[in-house]
Amino acid sequence: MSFKSGVILILLSAAAWGLGGVCGQFLYQFHSVTAPWLIAVRQVLAGFIFLGYLLLRGENVFRIFADKRDTKDQLAFSFLGLLGAQFGFYYTISLCNAATATVLQYTSPVFVMLWMSFKSRRLPEGREFLGIIFALVGVFLISTHGDINNVVLSPEALVIGLISAVSLAFYTVQPMRLLQKFSTTLVVGWGQLLSGTLLCFFVNPFEPTGSWDTGAVIAFIYLVIGATVLSYSLFLVGLKVVGSTKASLISCAEPLASIIAVVLWLKTPLTAVDLIGMACIIITVILLSIPKK
């Protein structure tokens, strides 16, 4: 596969994931589907699809629980990483909109960088420090529109959105040892299934909330298949061709896809200040993704 094809796959993956958030907003906004039910069912179905794929290939999907340490790491990844990141993301959408939730979650590289700085006992420097400044400015503009006395984003949306970013940072760093022993599909598959199953203790997955028509069903199917299975698969194939650094940079297309879709499809109003704040956070991701020379 050519480098150009790999770039296209990463772009398609980012766009597919970004549009998933917009489908979530569509179901909340126009069909009154509740976030906990939607997230729980999506997680469980996605988990079954990933693990079912491995079973069809003849793999033993339960081998990840043969060792106690592996089991603990998998549970930590499932409940502290994946559940926090995805529940936080989709719940934040229900409190504001998909574009804002996506951009808030994109502050996660800042938390990864701060954790790495803490572990190495050094202060952020140069491009890292500049990235923090851009992230803070971006969050400030999105939440206040530049006026500290006029908070336009609810405190709940801001806090949960940033919690989803912290969880995504944990999701990025924590499973490295597991991923050296097991495939990403196995780790993520169990993460989806376990986290969704936990949510099913609080919502009944067999009692759909909201109103459903053909459009709602299509949006839900896309949320499970397109925004989860398809985007994940495209990303993995593209990653092998372009490498992790370039893949991280190209993935900045995700918030751009969300911004374009919420404005053109859902007619969500975004001000110039919103767009400037979002651009600041995208710049942060780019700054922190470029490797040091």
C-alpha atoms as a PDB file:
ATOM      1  CA  MET A   1       0.000   0.000   0.000  1.00  0.00           C
ATOM      2  CA  SER A   2       1.300   3.491  -0.887  1.00  0.00           C
ATOM      3  CA  PHE A   3       1.901   6.276   1.633  1.00  0.00           C
ATOM      4  CA  LYS A   4      -0.863   8.316  -0.037  1.00  0.00           C
ATOM      5  CA  SER A   5      -3.334   5.464   0.495  1.00  0.00           C
ATOM      6  CA  GLY A   6      -2.336   5.267   4.161  1.00  0.00           C
ATOM      7  CA  VAL A   7      -2.960   8.995   4.597  1.00  0.00           C
ATOM      8  CA  ILE A   8      -6.391   8.646   2.976  1.00  0.00           C
ATOM      9  CA  LEU A   9      -7.290   5.775   5.332  1.00  0.00           C
ATOM     10  CA  ILE A  10      -6.283   7.810   8.402  1.00  0.00           C
ATOM     11  CA  LEU A  11      -8.335  10.764   7.147  1.00  0.00           C
ATOM     12  CA  LEU A  12     -11.354   8.514   6.553  1.00  0.00           C
ATOM     13  CA  SER A  13     -10.903   7.003  10.006  1.00  0.00           C
ATOM     14  CA  ALA A  14     -10.795  10.430  11.668  1.00  0.00           C
ATOM     15  CA  ALA A  15     -13.815  11.627   9.716  1.00  0.00           C
ATOM     16  CA  ALA A  16     -15.759   8.440  10.543  1.00  0.00           C
ATOM     17  CA  TRP A  17     -15.068   8.827  14.279  1.00  0.00           C
ATOM     18  CA  GLY A  18     -15.878  12.551  14.220  1.00  0.00           C
ATOM     19  CA  LEU A  19     -19.198  11.907  12.488  1.00  0.00           C
ATOM     20  CA  GLY A  20     -20.023   9.340  15.164  1.00  0.00           C
ATOM     21  CA  GLY A  21     -20.195  12.109  17.727  1.00  0.00           C
ATOM     22  CA  VAL A  22     -22.472  14.070  15.421  1.00  0.00           C
ATOM     23  CA  CYS A  23     -24.784  11.035  15.114  1.00  0.00           C
ATOM     24  CA  GLY A  24     -24.893  10.935  18.899  1.00  0.00           C
ATOM     25  CA  GLN A  25     -25.916  14.597  18.988  1.00  0.00           C
ATOM     26  CA  PHE A  26     -28.560  13.891  16.328  1.00  0.00           C
ATOM     27  CA  LEU A  27     -30.090  11.135  18.477  1.00  0.00           C
ATOM     28  CA  TYR A  28     -30.044  13.320  21.609  1.00  0.00           C
ATOM     29  CA  GLN A  29     -31.297  16.475  19.928  1.00  0.00           C
ATOM     30  CA  PHE A  30     -33.984  15.174  17.590  1.00  0.00           C
ATOM     31  CA  HIS A  31     -35.014  11.820  19.096  1.00  0.00           C
ATOM     32  CA  SER A  32     -34.587  12.351  22.864  1.00  0.00           C
ATOM     33  CA  VAL A  33     -32.398   9.270  23.261  1.00  0.00           C
ATOM     34  CA  THR A  34     -30.662   9.368  26.645  1.00  0.00           C
ATOM     35  CA  ALA A  35     -26.883   9.317  26.774  1.00  0.00           C
ATOM     36  CA  PRO A  36     -26.427   6.449  29.308  1.00  0.00           C
ATOM     37  CA  TRP A  37     -28.638   4.068  27.290  1.00  0.00           C
ATOM     38  CA  LEU A  38     -26.982   4.960  23.998  1.00  0.00           C
ATOM     39  CA  ILE A  39     -23.460   4.597  25.383  1.00  0.00           C
ATOM     40  CA  ALA A  40     -24.177   1.294  27.160  1.00  0.00           C
ATOM     41  CA  VAL A  41     -25.720  -0.400  24.110  1.00  0.00           C
ATOM     42  CA  ARG A  42     -23.069   0.968  21.755  1.00  0.00           C
ATOM     43  CA  GLN A  43     -20.248  -0.312  23.963  1.00  0.00           C
ATOM     44  CA  VAL A  44     -21.722  -3.790  24.357  1.00  0.00           C
ATOM     45  CA  LEU A  45     -22.486  -4.236  20.650  1.00  0.00           C
ATOM     46  CA  ALA A  46     -19.050  -2.967  19.624  1.00  0.00           C
ATOM     47  CA  GLY A  47     -17.418  -5.329  22.114  1.00  0.00           C
ATOM     48  CA  PHE A  48     -19.328  -8.304  20.741  1.00  0.00           C
ATOM     49  CA  ILE A  49     -18.339  -7.362  17.179  1.00  0.00           C
ATOM     50  CA  PHE A  50     -14.619  -7.092  18.007  1.00  0.00           C
ATOM     51  CA  LEU A  51     -14.515 -10.291  20.068  1.00  0.00           C
ATOM     52  CA  GLY A  52     -16.772 -12.140  17.618  1.00  0.00           C
ATOM     53  CA  TYR A  53     -14.341 -11.303  14.839  1.00  0.00           C
ATOM     54  CA  LEU A  54     -11.486 -12.825  16.850  1.00  0.00           C
ATOM     55  CA  LEU A  55     -13.549 -15.931  17.661  1.00  0.00           C
ATOM     56  CA  LEU A  56     -14.282 -16.443  13.963  1.00  0.00           C
ATOM     57  CA  ARG A  57     -10.535 -16.381  13.384  1.00  0.00           C
ATOM     58  CA  GLY A  58     -10.165 -19.165  15.934  1.00  0.00           C
ATOM     59  CA  GLU A  59      -8.507 -17.074  18.663  1.00  0.00           C
ATOM     60  CA  ASN A  60      -8.954 -17.728  22.387  1.00  0.00           C
ATOM     61  CA  VAL A  61     -10.387 -14.411  23.555  1.00  0.00           C
ATOM     62  CA  PHE A  62     -10.289 -15.460  27.231  1.00  0.00           C
ATOM     63  CA  ARG A  63      -6.511 -15.885  27.396  1.00  0.00           C
ATOM     64  CA  ILE A  64      -6.151 -12.268  28.478  1.00  0.00           C
ATOM     65  CA  PHE A  65      -7.608 -13.281  31.871  1.00  0.00           C
ATOM     66  CA  ALA A  66      -5.200 -16.181  32.467  1.00  0.00           C
ATOM     67  CA  ASP A  67      -2.745 -13.992  34.377  1.00  0.00           C
ATOM     68  CA  LYS A  68      -3.782 -11.867  37.383  1.00  0.00           C
ATOM     69  CA  ARG A  69      -1.688  -8.894  36.344  1.00  0.00           C
ATOM     70  CA  ASP A  70      -3.118  -8.960  32.837  1.00  0.00           C
ATOM     71  CA  THR A  71      -6.614  -9.151  34.303  1.00  0.00           C
ATOM     72  CA  LYS A  72      -5.997  -6.136  36.561  1.00  0.00           C
ATOM     73  CA  ASP A  73      -4.564  -4.128  33.681  1.00  0.00           C
ATOM     74  CA  GLN A  74      -7.496  -5.030  31.438  1.00  0.00           C
ATOM     75  CA  LEU A  75     -10.024  -4.012  34.091  1.00  0.00           C
ATOM     76  CA  ALA A  76      -8.196  -0.725  34.714  1.00  0.00           C
ATOM     77  CA  PHE A  77      -8.122   0.006  30.998  1.00  0.00           C
ATOM     78  CA  SER A  78     -11.803  -0.910  30.600  1.00  0.00           C
ATOM     79  CA  PHE A  79     -13.228   1.107  33.500  1.00  0.00           C
ATOM     80  CA  LEU A  80     -10.777   3.971  34.049  1.00  0.00           C
ATOM     81  CA  GLY A  81      -9.625   4.486  30.477  1.00  0.00           C
ATOM     82  CA  LEU A  82     -12.129   3.420  27.857  1.00  0.00           C
ATOM     83  CA  LEU A  83     -15.307   3.913  29.910  1.00  0.00           C
ATOM     84  CA  GLY A  84     -14.203   7.331  31.143  1.00  0.00           C
ATOM     85  CA  ALA A  85     -13.127   8.454  27.691  1.00  0.00           C
ATOM     86  CA  GLN A  86     -16.169   7.250  25.761  1.00  0.00           C
ATOM     87  CA  PHE A  87     -18.867   7.800  28.371  1.00  0.00           C
ATOM     88  CA  GLY A  88     -17.406  11.238  29.108  1.00  0.00           C
ATOM     89  CA  PHE A  89     -17.248  12.101  25.412  1.00  0.00           C
ATOM     90  CA  TYR A  90     -20.778  11.050  24.494  1.00  0.00           C
ATOM     91  CA  TYR A  91     -22.268  12.446  27.703  1.00  0.00           C
ATOM     92  CA  THR A  92     -20.560  15.789  27.061  1.00  0.00           C
ATOM     93  CA  ILE A  93     -22.171  15.833  23.615  1.00  0.00           C
ATOM     94  CA  SER A  94     -25.585  15.590  25.292  1.00  0.00           C
ATOM     95  CA  LEU A  95     -24.682  18.659  27.385  1.00  0.00           C
ATOM     96  CA  CYS A  96     -23.380  20.855  24.551  1.00  0.00           C
ATOM     97  CA  ASN A  97     -22.566  19.628  21.018  1.00  0.00           C
ATOM     98  CA  ALA A  98     -20.348  17.137  19.206  1.00  0.00           C
ATOM     99  CA  ALA A  99     -17.787  19.670  17.994  1.00  0.00           C
ATOM    100  CA  THR A 100     -17.166  21.125  21.461  1.00  0.00           C
ATOM    101  CA  ALA A 101     -17.034  17.678  23.099  1.00  0.00           C
ATOM    102  CA  THR A 102     -14.551  16.454  20.484  1.00  0.00           C
ATOM    103  CA  VAL A 103     -12.271  19.453  20.879  1.00  0.00           C
ATOM    104  CA  LEU A 104     -12.360  19.281  24.692  1.00  0.00           C
ATOM    105  CA  GLN A 105     -11.338  15.623  24.533  1.00  0.00           C
ATOM    106  CA  TYR A 106      -8.519  16.624  22.198  1.00  0.00           C
ATOM    107  CA  THR A 107      -6.799  18.314  25.147  1.00  0.00           C
ATOM    108  CA  SER A 108      -5.732  14.790  26.214  1.00  0.00           C
ATOM    109  CA  PRO A 109      -2.166  15.124  24.794  1.00  0.00           C
ATOM    110  CA  VAL A 110      -1.589  17.900  27.332  1.00  0.00           C
ATOM    111  CA  PHE A 111      -2.383  15.496  30.188  1.00  0.00           C
ATOM    112  CA  VAL A 112      -0.172  12.807  28.656  1.00  0.00           C
ATOM    113  CA  MET A 113       2.662  15.318  28.384  1.00  0.00           C
ATOM    114  CA  LEU A 114       2.173  16.518  31.983  1.00  0.00           C
ATOM    115  CA  TRP A 115       2.247  12.927  33.224  1.00  0.00           C
ATOM    116  CA  MET A 116       5.425  12.209  31.303  1.00  0.00           C
ATOM    117  CA  SER A 117       6.990  15.392  32.672  1.00  0.00           C
ATOM    118  CA  PHE A 118       6.043  14.334  36.212  1.00  0.00           C
ATOM    119  CA  LYS A 119       7.537  10.876  35.730  1.00  0.00           C
ATOM    120  CA  SER A 120      10.786  12.283  34.349  1.00  0.00           C
ATOM    121  CA  ARG A 121      10.898  15.003  37.040  1.00  0.00           C
ATOM    122  CA  ARG A 122      11.208  17.851  34.575  1.00  0.00           C
ATOM    123  CA  LEU A 123       9.147  20.902  33.702  1.00  0.00           C
ATOM    124  CA  PRO A 124       7.515  21.290  30.275  1.00  0.00           C
ATOM    125  CA  GLU A 125       9.711  23.298  27.961  1.00  0.00           C
ATOM    126  CA  GLY A 126       9.629  24.946  24.565  1.00  0.00           C
ATOM    127  CA  ARG A 127       6.929  23.501  22.341  1.00  0.00           C
ATOM    128  CA  GLU A 128       5.353  21.631  25.279  1.00  0.00           C
ATOM    129  CA  PHE A 129       4.869  24.829  27.270  1.00  0.00           C
ATOM    130  CA  LEU A 130       3.482  26.576  24.185  1.00  0.00           C
ATOM    131  CA  GLY A 131       1.056  23.682  23.697  1.00  0.00           C
ATOM    132  CA  ILE A 132      -0.249  24.108  27.262  1.00  0.00           C
ATOM    133  CA  ILE A 133      -0.790  27.821  26.657  1.00  0.00           C
ATOM    134  CA  PHE A 134      -2.730  27.179  23.442  1.00  0.00           C
ATOM    135  CA  ALA A 135      -4.852  24.517  25.201  1.00  0.00           C
ATOM    136  CA  LEU A 136      -5.691  26.839  28.105  1.00  0.00           C
ATOM    137  CA  VAL A 137      -6.553  29.691  25.746  1.00  0.00           C
ATOM    138  CA  GLY A 138      -8.708  27.342  23.659  1.00  0.00           C
ATOM    139  CA  VAL A 139     -10.666  26.017  26.642  1.00  0.00           C
ATOM    140  CA  PHE A 140     -11.081  29.566  28.001  1.00  0.00           C
ATOM    141  CA  LEU A 141     -12.472  30.858  24.702  1.00  0.00           C
ATOM    142  CA  ILE A 142     -14.827  27.905  24.229  1.00  0.00           C
ATOM    143  CA  SER A 143     -16.212  28.120  27.762  1.00  0.00           C
ATOM    144  CA  THR A 144     -16.426  31.934  28.182  1.00  0.00           C
ATOM    145  CA  HIS A 145     -16.164  33.471  24.683  1.00  0.00           C
ATOM    146  CA  GLY A 146     -13.395  35.623  26.110  1.00  0.00           C
ATOM    147  CA  ASP A 147     -15.444  37.106  28.965  1.00  0.00           C
ATOM    148  CA  ILE A 148     -14.670  35.513  32.332  1.00  0.00           C
ATOM    149  CA  ASN A 149     -17.948  36.883  33.716  1.00  0.00           C
ATOM    150  CA  ASN A 150     -19.986  35.203  30.989  1.00  0.00           C
ATOM    151  CA  VAL A 151     -19.678  31.398  31.080  1.00  0.00           C
ATOM    152  CA  VAL A 152     -21.368  30.104  27.908  1.00  0.00           C
ATOM    153  CA  LEU A 153     -20.479  26.432  28.377  1.00  0.00           C
ATOM    154  CA  SER A 154     -22.097  24.773  31.380  1.00  0.00           C
ATOM    155  CA  PRO A 155     -19.671  23.849  34.181  1.00  0.00           C
ATOM    156  CA  GLU A 156     -20.937  20.250  33.940  1.00  0.00           C
ATOM    157  CA  ALA A 157     -20.088  20.027  30.223  1.00  0.00           C
ATOM    158  CA  LEU A 158     -16.658  21.570  30.786  1.00  0.00           C
ATOM    159  CA  VAL A 159     -15.769  19.303  33.721  1.00  0.00           C
ATOM    160  CA  ILE A 160     -17.022  16.075  32.120  1.00  0.00           C
ATOM    161  CA  GLY A 161     -15.396  17.018  28.813  1.00  0.00           C
ATOM    162  CA  LEU A 162     -12.039  17.492  30.532  1.00  0.00           C
ATOM    163  CA  ILE A 163     -12.531  14.270  32.534  1.00  0.00           C
ATOM    164  CA  SER A 164     -13.004  12.470  29.211  1.00  0.00           C
ATOM    165  CA  ALA A 165      -9.683  13.998  28.095  1.00  0.00           C
ATOM    166  CA  VAL A 166      -7.922  12.762  31.240  1.00  0.00           C
ATOM    167  CA  SER A 167      -9.422   9.305  30.727  1.00  0.00           C
ATOM    168  CA  LEU A 168      -8.297   9.330  27.104  1.00  0.00           C
ATOM    169  CA  ALA A 169      -4.789  10.197  28.289  1.00  0.00           C
ATOM    170  CA  PHE A 170      -4.928   7.208  30.664  1.00  0.00           C
ATOM    171  CA  TYR A 171      -6.338   5.110  27.779  1.00  0.00           C
ATOM    172  CA  THR A 172      -3.310   6.115  25.707  1.00  0.00           C
ATOM    173  CA  VAL A 173      -0.594   5.410  28.287  1.00  0.00           C
ATOM    174  CA  GLN A 174      -1.858   2.614  30.557  1.00  0.00           C
ATOM    175  CA  PRO A 175      -2.343  -0.417  28.231  1.00  0.00           C
ATOM    176  CA  MET A 176       1.165  -0.422  26.706  1.00  0.00           C
ATOM    177  CA  ARG A 177       2.258  -3.580  28.566  1.00  0.00           C
ATOM    178  CA  LEU A 178      -0.948  -5.381  27.581  1.00  0.00           C
ATOM    179  CA  LEU A 179      -0.538  -4.387  23.949  1.00  0.00           C
ATOM    180  CA  GLN A 180       2.899  -5.978  23.889  1.00  0.00           C
ATOM    181  CA  LYS A 181       1.289  -9.343  24.712  1.00  0.00           C
ATOM    182  CA  PHE A 182      -2.141  -9.136  23.046  1.00  0.00           C
ATOM    183  CA  SER A 183      -3.674  -7.627  19.926  1.00  0.00           C
ATOM    184  CA  THR A 184      -5.283  -4.207  20.084  1.00  0.00           C
ATOM    185  CA  THR A 185      -8.526  -5.784  18.877  1.00  0.00           C
ATOM    186  CA  LEU A 186      -8.619  -8.117  21.889  1.00  0.00           C
ATOM    187  CA  VAL A 187      -7.814  -5.400  24.446  1.00  0.00           C
ATOM    188  CA  VAL A 188     -10.269  -2.886  22.974  1.00  0.00           C
ATOM    189  CA  GLY A 189     -12.941  -5.545  22.407  1.00  0.00           C
ATOM    190  CA  TRP A 190     -12.949  -6.579  26.065  1.00  0.00           C
ATOM    191  CA  GLY A 191     -12.741  -2.920  27.071  1.00  0.00           C
ATOM    192  CA  GLN A 192     -15.881  -2.115  25.099  1.00  0.00           C
ATOM    193  CA  LEU A 193     -17.802  -5.152  26.345  1.00  0.00           C
ATOM    194  CA  LEU A 194     -16.834  -4.813  30.026  1.00  0.00           C
ATOM    195  CA  SER A 195     -17.458  -1.069  30.194  1.00  0.00           C
ATOM    196  CA  GLY A 196     -20.792  -1.393  28.420  1.00  0.00           C
ATOM    197  CA  THR A 197     -21.845  -4.267  30.661  1.00  0.00           C
ATOM    198  CA  LEU A 198     -21.129  -2.139  33.742  1.00  0.00           C
ATOM    199  CA  LEU A 199     -23.404   0.590  32.389  1.00  0.00           C
ATOM    200  CA  CYS A 200     -26.146  -1.997  31.835  1.00  0.00           C
ATOM    201  CA  PHE A 201     -26.447  -2.311  35.630  1.00  0.00           C
ATOM    202  CA  PHE A 202     -27.783   1.266  35.600  1.00  0.00           C
ATOM    203  CA  VAL A 203     -29.860   1.238  32.392  1.00  0.00           C
ATOM    204  CA  ASN A 204     -31.968  -1.451  30.765  1.00  0.00           C
ATOM    205  CA  PRO A 205     -30.463  -2.046  27.312  1.00  0.00           C
ATOM    206  CA  PHE A 206     -33.665  -3.770  26.178  1.00  0.00           C
ATOM    207  CA  GLU A 207     -35.797  -0.664  26.778  1.00  0.00           C
ATOM    208  CA  PRO A 208     -34.734   1.924  24.179  1.00  0.00           C
ATOM    209  CA  THR A 209     -35.224   5.528  25.222  1.00  0.00           C
ATOM    210  CA  GLY A 210     -36.512   8.302  22.968  1.00  0.00           C
ATOM    211  CA  SER A 211     -38.371   8.066  19.659  1.00  0.00           C
ATOM    212  CA  TRP A 212     -37.153   5.902  16.805  1.00  0.00           C
ATOM    213  CA  ASP A 213     -37.648   6.149  13.071  1.00  0.00           C
ATOM    214  CA  THR A 214     -35.582   5.113  10.054  1.00  0.00           C
ATOM    215  CA  GLY A 215     -33.214   8.057  10.427  1.00  0.00           C
ATOM    216  CA  ALA A 216     -32.579   7.295  14.100  1.00  0.00           C
ATOM    217  CA  VAL A 217     -31.898   3.616  13.379  1.00  0.00           C
ATOM    218  CA  ILE A 218     -29.435   4.506  10.602  1.00  0.00           C
ATOM    219  CA  ALA A 219     -27.641   6.963  12.900  1.00  0.00           C
ATOM    220  CA  PHE A 220     -27.414   4.323  15.628  1.00  0.00           C
ATOM    221  CA  ILE A 221     -26.097   1.650  13.245  1.00  0.00           C
ATOM    222  CA  TYR A 222     -23.503   4.085  11.966  1.00  0.00           C
ATOM    223  CA  LEU A 223     -22.519   4.924  15.543  1.00  0.00           C
ATOM    224  CA  VAL A 224     -21.782   1.241  16.223  1.00  0.00           C
ATOM    225  CA  ILE A 225     -20.391   0.150  12.861  1.00  0.00           C
ATOM    226  CA  GLY A 226     -19.035   3.239  11.126  1.00  0.00           C
ATOM    227  CA  ALA A 227     -17.760   5.236  14.083  1.00  0.00           C
ATOM    228  CA  THR A 228     -16.394   2.253  15.989  1.00  0.00           C
ATOM    229  CA  VAL A 229     -15.554  -0.839  13.944  1.00  0.00           C
ATOM    230  CA  LEU A 230     -14.907   0.866  10.593  1.00  0.00           C
ATOM    231  CA  SER A 231     -12.953   3.847  11.931  1.00  0.00           C
ATOM    232  CA  TYR A 232     -10.839   1.600  14.165  1.00  0.00           C
ATOM    233  CA  SER A 233     -10.064  -0.798  11.303  1.00  0.00           C
ATOM    234  CA  LEU A 234      -9.176   1.984   8.849  1.00  0.00           C
ATOM    235  CA  PHE A 235      -6.913   3.621  11.420  1.00  0.00           C
ATOM    236  CA  LEU A 236      -4.969   0.429  12.140  1.00  0.00           C
ATOM    237  CA  VAL A 237      -4.346  -0.252   8.445  1.00  0.00           C
ATOM    238  CA  GLY A 238      -3.299   3.341   7.787  1.00  0.00           C
ATOM    239  CA  LEU A 239      -1.128   3.427  10.905  1.00  0.00           C
ATOM    240  CA  LYS A 240       1.052   0.613   9.580  1.00  0.00           C
ATOM    241  CA  VAL A 241       1.793   2.660   6.464  1.00  0.00           C
ATOM    242  CA  VAL A 242       2.254   6.246   7.723  1.00  0.00           C
ATOM    243  CA  GLY A 243       3.560   5.658  11.275  1.00  0.00           C
ATOM    244  CA  SER A 244       2.269   6.876  14.643  1.00  0.00           C
ATOM    245  CA  THR A 245       3.552  10.477  14.460  1.00  0.00           C
ATOM    246  CA  LYS A 246       2.011  11.308  11.101  1.00  0.00           C
ATOM    247  CA  ALA A 247      -1.143   9.387  12.041  1.00  0.00           C
ATOM    248  CA  SER A 248      -1.541  11.581  15.142  1.00  0.00           C
ATOM    249  CA  LEU A 249      -1.211  14.732  13.061  1.00  0.00           C
ATOM    250  CA  ILE A 250      -3.608  13.550  10.347  1.00  0.00           C
ATOM    251  CA  SER A 251      -6.141  12.551  13.020  1.00  0.00           C
ATOM    252  CA  CYS A 252      -6.666  16.252  13.678  1.00  0.00           C
ATOM    253  CA  ALA A 253      -9.203  15.912  10.864  1.00  0.00           C
ATOM    254  CA  GLU A 254     -11.565  14.413  13.459  1.00  0.00           C
ATOM    255  CA  PRO A 255     -12.566  17.667  15.209  1.00  0.00           C
ATOM    256  CA  LEU A 256     -12.684  19.402  11.825  1.00  0.00           C
ATOM    257  CA  ALA A 257     -15.157  16.770  10.595  1.00  0.00           C
ATOM    258  CA  SER A 258     -17.273  17.300  13.711  1.00  0.00           C
ATOM    259  CA  ILE A 259     -17.247  21.069  13.325  1.00  0.00           C
ATOM    260  CA  ILE A 260     -18.277  20.925   9.670  1.00  0.00           C
ATOM    261  CA  ALA A 261     -21.009  18.330  10.303  1.00  0.00           C
ATOM    262  CA  VAL A 262     -22.649  20.041  13.298  1.00  0.00           C
ATOM    263  CA  VAL A 263     -22.797  23.318  11.393  1.00  0.00           C
ATOM    264  CA  LEU A 264     -23.982  22.006   8.005  1.00  0.00           C
ATOM    265  CA  TRP A 265     -26.094  19.016   9.083  1.00  0.00           C
ATOM    266  CA  LEU A 266     -27.424  19.852  12.553  1.00  0.00           C
ATOM    267  CA  LYS A 267     -27.327  23.653  12.124  1.00  0.00           C
ATOM    268  CA  THR A 268     -25.566  24.047  15.491  1.00  0.00           C
ATOM    269  CA  PRO A 269     -24.488  27.701  15.856  1.00  0.00           C
ATOM    270  CA  LEU A 270     -20.751  28.178  16.449  1.00  0.00           C
ATOM    271  CA  THR A 271     -19.381  31.676  16.892  1.00  0.00           C
ATOM    272  CA  ALA A 272     -16.071  32.983  15.574  1.00  0.00           C
ATOM    273  CA  VAL A 273     -14.722  32.814  19.133  1.00  0.00           C
ATOM    274  CA  ASP A 274     -15.732  29.130  19.353  1.00  0.00           C
ATOM    275  CA  LEU A 275     -13.833  28.405  16.152  1.00  0.00           C
ATOM    276  CA  ILE A 276     -10.745  30.305  17.352  1.00  0.00           C
ATOM    277  CA  GLY A 277     -10.796  28.343  20.619  1.00  0.00           C
ATOM    278  CA  MET A 278     -11.136  25.063  18.751  1.00  0.00           C
ATOM    279  CA  ALA A 279      -8.278  26.042  16.443  1.00  0.00           C
ATOM    280  CA  CYS A 280      -6.079  26.728  19.491  1.00  0.00           C
ATOM    281  CA  ILE A 281      -6.653  23.182  20.776  1.00  0.00           C
ATOM    282  CA  ILE A 282      -6.005  21.644  17.353  1.00  0.00           C
ATOM    283  CA  ILE A 283      -2.726  23.612  17.248  1.00  0.00           C
ATOM    284  CA  THR A 284      -1.913  22.118  20.668  1.00  0.00           C
ATOM    285  CA  VAL A 285      -2.341  18.592  19.301  1.00  0.00           C
ATOM    286  CA  ILE A 286      -0.095  19.389  16.338  1.00  0.00           C
ATOM    287  CA  LEU A 287       2.600  20.929  18.563  1.00  0.00           C
ATOM    288  CA  LEU A 288       2.643  17.947  20.928  1.00  0.00           C
ATOM    289  CA  SER A 289       2.506  15.353  18.138  1.00  0.00           C
ATOM    290  CA  ILE A 290       5.622  16.516  16.308  1.00  0.00           C
ATOM    291  CA  PRO A 291       8.616  14.568  17.663  1.00  0.00           C
ATOM    292  CA  LYS A 292      11.617  16.393  19.065  1.00  0.00           C
ATOM    293  CA  LYS A 293      14.727  16.446  16.913  1.00  0.00           C
END
